[in-house]
Amino acid sequence: HLIKEFSGITGVSQKDLQANIILRAAHRWRYANNSQLDENLYNLDTEYCIATCGDWYTQKGVEGAWQSGNKLATRLIHELS
């Protein structure tokens, strides 16, 4: 599902995406922890155009994931406006 959605957003074909995937893995909520890595609640590397967010930046569970994703989205909206 993620490949299909990413393809739709970026315009990169699903075939090209599939050909370049090195590793696929899913980690469920049981891997969440309470360690805060960054006060921004996300990591944005503008040089490589990649960002990460998730509950591991703040608190475990869906609320922490939402807070992290929301904070990153706000930053990206600001950067791209």
Protein backbone atom coordinates (compact mmCIF):
# COMPACT_ATOMS: atom_id res chain seq x y z
CA HIS A 1 0.00 0.00 0.00
CA LEU A 2 2.82 2.43 0.84
CA ILE A 3 4.56 1.89 -2.49
CA LYS A 4 1.34 2.56 -4.40
CA GLU A 5 0.64 5.76 -2.42
CA PHE A 6 4.26 6.96 -2.65
CA SER A 7 4.16 6.36 -6.40
CA GLY A 8 0.98 8.38 -6.71
CA ILE A 9 2.40 11.30 -4.75
CA THR A 10 5.87 11.40 -6.33
CA GLY A 11 5.13 10.21 -9.85
CA VAL A 12 7.83 7.53 -9.60
CA SER A 13 6.55 4.30 -11.11
CA GLN A 14 5.76 1.41 -8.80
CA LYS A 15 8.05 -0.77 -10.94
CA ASP A 16 11.00 1.60 -10.39
CA LEU A 17 10.28 1.78 -6.67
CA GLN A 18 10.09 -2.01 -6.36
CA ALA A 19 13.41 -2.37 -8.22
CA ASN A 20 15.19 -0.08 -5.74
CA ILE A 21 13.87 -1.41 -2.44
CA ILE A 22 16.69 -2.95 -0.42
CA LEU A 23 14.82 -3.85 2.75
CA ARG A 24 11.20 -3.97 3.84
CA ALA A 25 10.27 -4.35 7.47
CA ALA A 26 7.38 -3.39 9.71
CA HIS A 27 7.84 -2.56 13.35
CA ARG A 28 4.73 -2.45 15.47
CA TRP A 29 4.01 -0.34 18.54
CA ARG A 30 5.70 -2.89 20.80
CA TYR A 31 9.04 -1.45 19.67
CA ALA A 32 8.17 2.05 20.86
CA ASN A 33 10.20 3.55 23.68
CA ASN A 34 10.28 6.72 25.72
CA SER A 35 13.68 8.07 24.70
CA GLN A 36 13.49 11.54 23.23
CA LEU A 37 16.12 11.98 20.52
CA ASP A 38 15.35 15.52 19.40
CA GLU A 39 13.38 18.38 20.87
CA ASN A 40 11.92 18.96 17.39
CA LEU A 41 10.27 15.51 17.51
CA TYR A 42 11.56 14.66 14.02
CA ASN A 43 14.71 14.63 11.92
CA LEU A 44 14.97 16.53 8.64
CA ASP A 45 18.05 16.25 6.45
CA THR A 46 17.67 18.93 3.79
CA GLU A 47 20.90 17.92 2.04
CA TYR A 48 19.60 14.41 1.25
CA CYS A 49 15.90 15.42 1.18
CA ILE A 50 14.82 12.83 3.72
CA ALA A 51 12.91 13.10 6.96
CA THR A 52 11.94 10.77 9.78
CA CYS A 53 9.34 11.05 12.47
CA GLY A 54 7.70 8.69 14.89
CA ASP A 55 6.84 7.85 18.45
CA TRP A 56 10.48 7.11 19.29
CA TYR A 57 11.18 10.87 19.16
CA THR A 58 8.71 11.61 21.93
CA GLN A 59 6.47 9.18 23.81
CA LYS A 60 5.37 5.70 22.99
CA GLY A 61 2.13 5.02 21.24
CA VAL A 62 -0.02 6.55 18.60
CA GLU A 63 -0.21 9.97 20.27
CA GLY A 64 3.57 10.34 20.17
CA ALA A 65 3.64 9.27 16.53
CA TRP A 66 0.95 11.81 15.69
CA GLN A 67 2.75 14.61 17.54
CA SER A 68 5.99 13.84 15.73
CA GLY A 69 4.35 13.61 12.30
CA ASN A 70 2.35 16.78 12.88
CA LYS A 71 5.45 18.72 13.91
CA LEU A 72 7.34 17.51 10.81
CA ALA A 73 4.39 18.30 8.53
CA THR A 74 4.21 21.82 9.95
CA ARG A 75 7.92 22.32 9.27
CA LEU A 76 7.65 20.97 5.71
CA ILE A 77 4.67 23.19 4.96
CA HIS A 78 6.66 26.17 6.23
CA GLU A 79 9.76 25.20 4.23
CA LEU A 80 7.83 24.63 0.99
CA SER A 81 5.63 27.72 1.19
